Amino acid sequence: MITDEFGGAFNYEKVNTFEVDSQGIGIEDGKDYWNYIVSAGDEEKVIFQVTDDFETSKIYVFKFKE
């Protein structure tokens, strides 16, 4: 659940997890995720980025659940 600035609650579900390098390239598959991570695209999504070594980041993608 994620809340907006007014306290409204919205449900999201995790739909993807991947690890990227500092340029947004997938560690396991070599795919370029940069635009997917930084652009709004045509879908409502929330992305969390977790890093502990500043060389790679774990990316968690959540999409709005109706």
C-alpha atoms as a PDB file:
ATOM      1  CA  MET A   1       0.000   0.000   0.000  1.00  0.00           C
ATOM      2  CA  ILE A   2       1.267   3.462  -0.901  1.00  0.00           C
ATOM      3  CA  THR A   3      -0.323   6.709   0.259  1.00  0.00           C
ATOM      4  CA  ASP A   4      -0.488  10.008  -1.573  1.00  0.00           C
ATOM      5  CA  GLU A   5       0.128  13.447  -0.110  1.00  0.00           C
ATOM      6  CA  PHE A   6      -3.469  13.602   1.188  1.00  0.00           C
ATOM      7  CA  GLY A   7      -3.340  10.211   2.930  1.00  0.00           C
ATOM      8  CA  GLY A   8      -5.278   8.354   0.226  1.00  0.00           C
ATOM      9  CA  ALA A   9      -4.194   4.712   0.133  1.00  0.00           C
ATOM     10  CA  PHE A  10      -3.570   2.813  -3.092  1.00  0.00           C
ATOM     11  CA  ASN A  11      -2.672  -0.827  -3.593  1.00  0.00           C
ATOM     12  CA  TYR A  12       0.290  -1.764  -5.752  1.00  0.00           C
ATOM     13  CA  GLU A  13       1.727  -5.180  -6.506  1.00  0.00           C
ATOM     14  CA  LYS A  14       5.354  -6.075  -7.165  1.00  0.00           C
ATOM     15  CA  VAL A  15       5.717  -7.121 -10.789  1.00  0.00           C
ATOM     16  CA  ASN A  16       9.459  -7.153 -11.369  1.00  0.00           C
ATOM     17  CA  THR A  17      12.816  -7.189  -9.609  1.00  0.00           C
ATOM     18  CA  PHE A  18      16.189  -6.912 -11.275  1.00  0.00           C
ATOM     19  CA  GLU A  19      19.720  -5.739 -10.598  1.00  0.00           C
ATOM     20  CA  VAL A  20      21.427  -3.108 -12.735  1.00  0.00           C
ATOM     21  CA  ASP A  21      24.821  -1.439 -12.904  1.00  0.00           C
ATOM     22  CA  SER A  22      25.324   2.326 -12.605  1.00  0.00           C
ATOM     23  CA  GLN A  23      24.339   2.765 -16.275  1.00  0.00           C
ATOM     24  CA  GLY A  24      21.051   0.845 -15.943  1.00  0.00           C
ATOM     25  CA  ILE A  25      22.285  -2.336 -17.647  1.00  0.00           C
ATOM     26  CA  GLY A  26      20.937  -5.605 -16.222  1.00  0.00           C
ATOM     27  CA  ILE A  27      23.580  -7.603 -14.382  1.00  0.00           C
ATOM     28  CA  GLU A  28      22.086 -10.998 -15.288  1.00  0.00           C
ATOM     29  CA  ASP A  29      20.714 -10.359 -18.785  1.00  0.00           C
ATOM     30  CA  GLY A  30      22.673  -7.372 -20.173  1.00  0.00           C
ATOM     31  CA  LYS A  31      19.404  -5.614 -21.047  1.00  0.00           C
ATOM     32  CA  ASP A  32      19.305  -1.800 -21.005  1.00  0.00           C
ATOM     33  CA  TYR A  33      16.723  -0.848 -18.337  1.00  0.00           C
ATOM     34  CA  TRP A  34      17.637   2.855 -18.112  1.00  0.00           C
ATOM     35  CA  ASN A  35      14.610   4.281 -19.965  1.00  0.00           C
ATOM     36  CA  TYR A  36      12.254   1.842 -18.228  1.00  0.00           C
ATOM     37  CA  ILE A  37      13.526   3.030 -14.836  1.00  0.00           C
ATOM     38  CA  VAL A  38      13.531   6.791 -15.454  1.00  0.00           C
ATOM     39  CA  SER A  39      10.604   7.364 -17.850  1.00  0.00           C
ATOM     40  CA  ALA A  40       6.932   7.534 -16.979  1.00  0.00           C
ATOM     41  CA  GLY A  41       5.953   5.388 -19.945  1.00  0.00           C
ATOM     42  CA  ASP A  42       2.301   4.562 -20.537  1.00  0.00           C
ATOM     43  CA  GLU A  43       1.645   2.764 -17.258  1.00  0.00           C
ATOM     44  CA  GLU A  44       1.353   3.800 -13.640  1.00  0.00           C
ATOM     45  CA  LYS A  45       4.273   2.355 -11.710  1.00  0.00           C
ATOM     46  CA  VAL A  46       6.417   2.992  -8.665  1.00  0.00           C
ATOM     47  CA  ILE A  47      10.078   2.039  -8.662  1.00  0.00           C
ATOM     48  CA  PHE A  48      12.250   1.580  -5.588  1.00  0.00           C
ATOM     49  CA  GLN A  49      16.010   1.528  -5.978  1.00  0.00           C
ATOM     50  CA  VAL A  50      18.201  -0.026  -3.298  1.00  0.00           C
ATOM     51  CA  THR A  51      21.990   0.134  -3.415  1.00  0.00           C
ATOM     52  CA  ASP A  52      24.734  -0.599  -0.952  1.00  0.00           C
ATOM     53  CA  ASP A  53      27.902  -0.362  -3.025  1.00  0.00           C
ATOM     54  CA  PHE A  54      27.114   2.438  -5.531  1.00  0.00           C
ATOM     55  CA  GLU A  55      28.075   0.121  -8.403  1.00  0.00           C
ATOM     56  CA  THR A  56      24.914  -1.979  -8.627  1.00  0.00           C
ATOM     57  CA  SER A  57      21.315  -1.364  -7.621  1.00  0.00           C
ATOM     58  CA  LYS A  58      18.408  -3.671  -6.933  1.00  0.00           C
ATOM     59  CA  ILE A  59      15.278  -2.344  -8.660  1.00  0.00           C
ATOM     60  CA  TYR A  60      11.762  -3.201  -7.466  1.00  0.00           C
ATOM     61  CA  VAL A  61       8.861  -2.337  -9.784  1.00  0.00           C
ATOM     62  CA  PHE A  62       5.303  -2.020  -8.478  1.00  0.00           C
ATOM     63  CA  LYS A  63       2.208  -1.437 -10.602  1.00  0.00           C
ATOM     64  CA  PHE A  64      -1.160  -0.095  -9.552  1.00  0.00           C
ATOM     65  CA  LYS A  65      -3.518  -2.890  -8.518  1.00  0.00           C
ATOM     66  CA  GLU A  66      -7.152  -2.195  -9.260  1.00  0.00           C
END
